[in-house]
Amino acid sequence: SECNLSHLAPVSHKIGTLFPPCCTSSSIDRLSLYASLGVPEVWRYDGNRLIIYQLETQEYVERDVSPTFPFLSQVEMLRFLELRRTTKENALIRLFREWVRSQI
């Protein structure tokens, strides 16, 4: 079921912010939450597929290319996501930065 947070204020604590028990990661419609916060672009990766969403009039529309990073194709992004399985983080970041520099 969907958890509507519009009428609830989060409770702040020293450790972090707590939401009501109904708000588990599986019960929150994250895209709606991000849209209400005005996040212009959301990327989702499920381990196989990368989906790019762009916010248009309070709803996300699936896009083939990132409006923010039009030079970064899904194919290239998936390549780097796959590399993270076999490449150490610092090396991967360095490879990605080098690739970005070569594209702009």
N, C-alpha and C. Protein backbone atom coordinates (compact mmCIF):
# COMPACT_ATOMS: atom_id res chain seq x y z
N SER A 1 0.83 -1.19 0.00
CA SER A 1 0.00 0.00 0.00
C SER A 1 0.87 1.25 0.00
N GLU A 2 0.33 2.34 -0.49
CA GLU A 2 1.08 3.58 -0.60
C GLU A 2 1.04 4.33 0.72
N CYS A 3 2.15 4.94 1.07
CA CYS A 3 2.27 5.67 2.32
C CYS A 3 2.25 7.16 2.00
N ASN A 4 1.22 7.86 2.40
CA ASN A 4 1.09 9.29 2.13
C ASN A 4 1.73 10.08 3.26
N LEU A 5 2.78 10.83 2.93
CA LEU A 5 3.51 11.58 3.93
C LEU A 5 3.07 13.03 4.02
N SER A 6 2.13 13.44 3.20
CA SER A 6 1.79 14.87 3.10
C SER A 6 1.29 15.47 4.42
N HIS A 7 0.66 14.67 5.26
CA HIS A 7 0.11 15.20 6.51
C HIS A 7 1.03 14.97 7.71
N LEU A 8 2.18 14.34 7.49
CA LEU A 8 3.07 14.00 8.59
C LEU A 8 4.38 14.76 8.50
N ALA A 9 4.85 15.22 9.61
CA ALA A 9 6.17 15.84 9.67
C ALA A 9 7.13 14.82 10.25
N PRO A 10 8.32 14.68 9.65
CA PRO A 10 9.29 13.74 10.21
C PRO A 10 9.74 14.19 11.59
N VAL A 11 10.10 13.23 12.43
CA VAL A 11 10.57 13.51 13.78
C VAL A 11 12.09 13.46 13.75
N SER A 12 12.73 14.58 14.09
CA SER A 12 14.19 14.63 14.07
C SER A 12 14.77 14.13 15.37
N HIS A 13 15.80 13.36 15.27
CA HIS A 13 16.54 12.85 16.41
C HIS A 13 18.02 13.06 16.14
N LYS A 14 18.85 12.86 17.15
CA LYS A 14 20.29 13.01 16.97
C LYS A 14 20.80 12.06 15.89
N ILE A 15 20.26 10.87 15.82
CA ILE A 15 20.74 9.85 14.89
C ILE A 15 20.23 10.09 13.48
N GLY A 16 19.10 10.68 13.31
CA GLY A 16 18.56 10.89 11.98
C GLY A 16 17.10 11.26 12.04
N THR A 17 16.41 11.04 10.96
CA THR A 17 15.00 11.37 10.87
C THR A 17 14.20 10.08 10.80
N LEU A 18 13.16 10.00 11.59
CA LEU A 18 12.32 8.82 11.60
C LEU A 18 10.97 9.12 10.97
N PHE A 19 10.48 8.18 10.20
CA PHE A 19 9.15 8.29 9.61
C PHE A 19 8.26 7.24 10.25
N PRO A 20 6.96 7.37 10.09
CA PRO A 20 6.05 6.38 10.65
C PRO A 20 6.35 4.98 10.12
N PRO A 21 5.96 3.92 10.85
CA PRO A 21 6.28 2.56 10.46
C PRO A 21 5.75 2.17 9.08
N CYS A 22 4.72 2.83 8.57
CA CYS A 22 4.19 2.47 7.26
C CYS A 22 5.15 2.85 6.14
N CYS A 23 6.15 3.62 6.46
CA CYS A 23 7.03 4.17 5.44
C CYS A 23 8.31 3.37 5.30
N THR A 24 8.17 2.13 4.94
CA THR A 24 9.34 1.32 4.66
C THR A 24 9.77 1.59 3.23
N SER A 25 10.95 1.16 2.88
CA SER A 25 11.45 1.42 1.54
C SER A 25 10.54 0.82 0.47
N SER A 26 9.86 -0.27 0.78
CA SER A 26 8.99 -0.88 -0.21
C SER A 26 7.62 -0.22 -0.28
N SER A 27 7.22 0.54 0.75
CA SER A 27 5.88 1.13 0.75
C SER A 27 5.87 2.56 0.20
N ILE A 28 7.03 3.18 0.06
CA ILE A 28 7.08 4.57 -0.41
C ILE A 28 7.15 4.59 -1.93
N ASP A 29 6.30 5.36 -2.55
CA ASP A 29 6.37 5.61 -3.98
C ASP A 29 7.43 6.68 -4.17
N ARG A 30 8.65 6.25 -4.39
CA ARG A 30 9.78 7.18 -4.43
C ARG A 30 9.68 8.19 -5.54
N LEU A 31 9.21 7.79 -6.71
CA LEU A 31 9.11 8.76 -7.80
C LEU A 31 8.16 9.89 -7.44
N SER A 32 7.05 9.58 -6.80
CA SER A 32 6.12 10.63 -6.36
C SER A 32 6.77 11.53 -5.32
N LEU A 33 7.52 10.92 -4.42
CA LEU A 33 8.22 11.69 -3.40
C LEU A 33 9.25 12.62 -4.04
N TYR A 34 10.05 12.09 -4.98
CA TYR A 34 11.05 12.91 -5.66
C TYR A 34 10.38 14.03 -6.46
N ALA A 35 9.24 13.71 -7.10
CA ALA A 35 8.52 14.73 -7.87
C ALA A 35 8.04 15.85 -6.96
N SER A 36 7.54 15.49 -5.78
CA SER A 36 7.06 16.52 -4.85
C SER A 36 8.21 17.39 -4.35
N LEU A 37 9.43 16.87 -4.36
CA LEU A 37 10.60 17.64 -3.97
C LEU A 37 11.21 18.41 -5.14
N GLY A 38 10.69 18.15 -6.35
CA GLY A 38 11.17 18.87 -7.53
C GLY A 38 12.48 18.33 -8.10
N VAL A 39 12.80 17.06 -7.83
CA VAL A 39 14.03 16.48 -8.38
C VAL A 39 13.85 16.35 -9.89
N PRO A 40 14.68 17.04 -10.69
CA PRO A 40 14.44 17.11 -12.13
C PRO A 40 14.71 15.82 -12.90
N GLU A 41 15.55 14.95 -12.34
CA GLU A 41 15.92 13.74 -13.08
C GLU A 41 16.24 12.63 -12.10
N VAL A 42 15.77 11.42 -12.41
CA VAL A 42 16.01 10.25 -11.56
C VAL A 42 16.49 9.12 -12.46
N TRP A 43 17.55 8.44 -12.01
CA TRP A 43 18.04 7.25 -12.70
C TRP A 43 17.78 6.05 -11.81
N ARG A 44 17.28 4.98 -12.41
CA ARG A 44 17.07 3.73 -11.67
C ARG A 44 17.82 2.61 -12.38
N TYR A 45 18.54 1.84 -11.60
CA TYR A 45 19.28 0.69 -12.12
C TYR A 45 18.91 -0.53 -11.29
N ASP A 46 18.40 -1.56 -11.94
CA ASP A 46 17.94 -2.74 -11.20
C ASP A 46 18.94 -3.90 -11.27
N GLY A 47 20.14 -3.62 -11.73
CA GLY A 47 21.15 -4.67 -11.89
C GLY A 47 21.27 -5.13 -13.32
N ASN A 48 20.27 -4.81 -14.13
CA ASN A 48 20.27 -5.18 -15.56
C ASN A 48 19.94 -4.00 -16.47
N ARG A 49 19.04 -3.18 -16.02
CA ARG A 49 18.50 -2.13 -16.88
C ARG A 49 18.61 -0.78 -16.19
N LEU A 50 19.01 0.23 -16.96
CA LEU A 50 19.07 1.60 -16.47
C LEU A 50 17.90 2.36 -17.06
N ILE A 51 17.12 3.01 -16.21
CA ILE A 51 15.98 3.81 -16.68
C ILE A 51 16.23 5.25 -16.25
N ILE A 52 16.08 6.16 -17.18
CA ILE A 52 16.25 7.59 -16.91
C ILE A 52 14.88 8.24 -16.97
N TYR A 53 14.53 8.95 -15.89
CA TYR A 53 13.26 9.65 -15.82
C TYR A 53 13.52 11.15 -15.74
N GLN A 54 12.68 11.92 -16.45
CA GLN A 54 12.74 13.38 -16.38
C GLN A 54 11.40 13.89 -15.86
N LEU A 55 11.47 14.84 -14.94
CA LEU A 55 10.26 15.42 -14.35
C LEU A 55 9.62 16.40 -15.33
N GLU A 56 8.35 16.16 -15.65
CA GLU A 56 7.57 17.05 -16.50
C GLU A 56 6.20 17.23 -15.86
N THR A 57 5.87 18.44 -15.51
CA THR A 57 4.59 18.79 -14.87
C THR A 57 4.22 17.80 -13.75
N GLN A 58 5.14 17.66 -12.79
CA GLN A 58 4.96 16.85 -11.58
C GLN A 58 4.85 15.35 -11.82
N GLU A 59 5.23 14.88 -13.02
CA GLU A 59 5.27 13.44 -13.29
C GLU A 59 6.55 13.11 -14.03
N TYR A 60 7.07 11.91 -13.81
CA TYR A 60 8.28 11.49 -14.49
C TYR A 60 7.95 10.79 -15.80
N VAL A 61 8.74 11.15 -16.82
CA VAL A 61 8.62 10.56 -18.14
C VAL A 61 9.93 9.84 -18.44
N GLU A 62 9.83 8.60 -18.92
CA GLU A 62 11.03 7.84 -19.24
C GLU A 62 11.71 8.44 -20.47
N ARG A 63 13.03 8.56 -20.42
CA ARG A 63 13.84 9.13 -21.50
C ARG A 63 14.92 8.14 -21.90
N ASP A 64 15.33 8.21 -23.17
CA ASP A 64 16.43 7.38 -23.66
C ASP A 64 17.78 7.99 -23.31
N VAL A 65 17.80 9.31 -23.18
CA VAL A 65 19.04 10.05 -22.93
C VAL A 65 18.80 10.99 -21.75
N SER A 66 19.81 11.16 -20.94
CA SER A 66 19.72 12.09 -19.82
C SER A 66 19.73 13.52 -20.34
N PRO A 67 18.73 14.33 -19.97
CA PRO A 67 18.75 15.74 -20.35
C PRO A 67 19.90 16.49 -19.70
N THR A 68 20.33 16.03 -18.53
CA THR A 68 21.42 16.67 -17.80
C THR A 68 22.78 16.30 -18.38
N PHE A 69 22.93 15.06 -18.80
CA PHE A 69 24.19 14.56 -19.37
C PHE A 69 23.93 13.92 -20.72
N PRO A 70 23.61 14.72 -21.74
CA PRO A 70 23.23 14.14 -23.04
C PRO A 70 24.34 13.34 -23.71
N PHE A 71 25.59 13.58 -23.35
CA PHE A 71 26.71 12.84 -23.93
C PHE A 71 26.87 11.45 -23.31
N LEU A 72 26.17 11.19 -22.22
CA LEU A 72 26.30 9.93 -21.50
C LEU A 72 25.16 8.99 -21.89
N SER A 73 25.45 8.07 -22.80
CA SER A 73 24.43 7.14 -23.27
C SER A 73 24.19 6.05 -22.23
N GLN A 74 23.03 5.43 -22.34
CA GLN A 74 22.73 4.32 -21.44
C GLN A 74 23.72 3.18 -21.62
N VAL A 75 24.16 2.97 -22.85
CA VAL A 75 25.12 1.90 -23.14
C VAL A 75 26.42 2.15 -22.38
N GLU A 76 26.93 3.39 -22.43
CA GLU A 76 28.16 3.73 -21.72
C GLU A 76 27.96 3.64 -20.21
N MET A 77 26.85 4.12 -19.72
CA MET A 77 26.60 4.06 -18.29
C MET A 77 26.52 2.61 -17.82
N LEU A 78 25.85 1.77 -18.58
CA LEU A 78 25.77 0.34 -18.23
C LEU A 78 27.15 -0.30 -18.24
N ARG A 79 28.00 0.13 -19.16
CA ARG A 79 29.37 -0.39 -19.21
C ARG A 79 30.10 -0.09 -17.90
N PHE A 80 29.97 1.14 -17.42
CA PHE A 80 30.62 1.51 -16.16
C PHE A 80 29.98 0.82 -14.96
N LEU A 81 28.67 0.63 -15.01
CA LEU A 81 28.01 -0.09 -13.92
C LEU A 81 28.47 -1.54 -13.86
N GLU A 82 28.70 -2.14 -15.02
CA GLU A 82 29.21 -3.52 -15.06
C GLU A 82 30.66 -3.57 -14.58
N LEU A 83 31.45 -2.57 -14.92
CA LEU A 83 32.85 -2.53 -14.50
C LEU A 83 33.01 -2.49 -12.99
N ARG A 84 32.00 -1.97 -12.31
CA ARG A 84 32.12 -1.86 -10.85
C ARG A 84 32.17 -3.22 -10.18
N ARG A 85 31.76 -4.25 -10.88
CA ARG A 85 31.81 -5.61 -10.33
C ARG A 85 33.24 -6.16 -10.29
N THR A 86 34.10 -5.64 -11.19
CA THR A 86 35.45 -6.19 -11.31
C THR A 86 36.55 -5.16 -11.08
N THR A 87 36.18 -3.91 -10.87
CA THR A 87 37.16 -2.84 -10.75
C THR A 87 37.01 -2.15 -9.40
N LYS A 88 38.12 -1.85 -8.78
CA LYS A 88 38.08 -1.15 -7.49
C LYS A 88 37.52 0.25 -7.70
N GLU A 89 36.89 0.78 -6.65
CA GLU A 89 36.16 2.04 -6.75
C GLU A 89 37.02 3.20 -7.25
N ASN A 90 38.21 3.39 -6.68
CA ASN A 90 39.05 4.51 -7.10
C ASN A 90 39.46 4.39 -8.57
N ALA A 91 39.78 3.18 -9.00
CA ALA A 91 40.14 2.96 -10.41
C ALA A 91 38.95 3.23 -11.32
N LEU A 92 37.78 2.81 -10.88
CA LEU A 92 36.57 3.04 -11.67
C LEU A 92 36.26 4.53 -11.80
N ILE A 93 36.39 5.25 -10.71
CA ILE A 93 36.16 6.70 -10.74
C ILE A 93 37.14 7.36 -11.69
N ARG A 94 38.40 6.95 -11.63
CA ARG A 94 39.42 7.51 -12.52
C ARG A 94 39.07 7.22 -13.99
N LEU A 95 38.69 5.97 -14.29
CA LEU A 95 38.30 5.61 -15.66
C LEU A 95 37.11 6.43 -16.13
N PHE A 96 36.12 6.59 -15.25
CA PHE A 96 34.92 7.35 -15.62
C PHE A 96 35.27 8.82 -15.88
N ARG A 97 36.08 9.42 -15.02
CA ARG A 97 36.48 10.81 -15.21
C ARG A 97 37.24 10.99 -16.52
N GLU A 98 38.14 10.07 -16.82
CA GLU A 98 38.88 10.14 -18.08
C GLU A 98 37.94 10.06 -19.27
N TRP A 99 36.97 9.15 -19.18
CA TRP A 99 36.01 9.00 -20.27
C TRP A 99 35.19 10.28 -20.44
N VAL A 100 34.71 10.86 -19.33
CA VAL A 100 33.91 12.10 -19.39
C VAL A 100 34.73 13.20 -20.04
N ARG A 101 35.99 13.37 -19.61
CA ARG A 101 36.86 14.41 -20.20
C ARG A 101 37.01 14.22 -21.70
N SER A 102 37.05 12.98 -22.15
CA SER A 102 37.21 12.73 -23.59
C SER A 102 35.93 13.04 -24.37
N GLN A 103 34.80 13.15 -23.66
CA GLN A 103 33.51 13.39 -24.31
C GLN A 103 33.13 14.86 -24.38
N ILE A 104 33.69 15.68 -23.50
CA ILE A 104 33.28 17.09 -23.46
C ILE A 104 34.34 18.02 -24.01
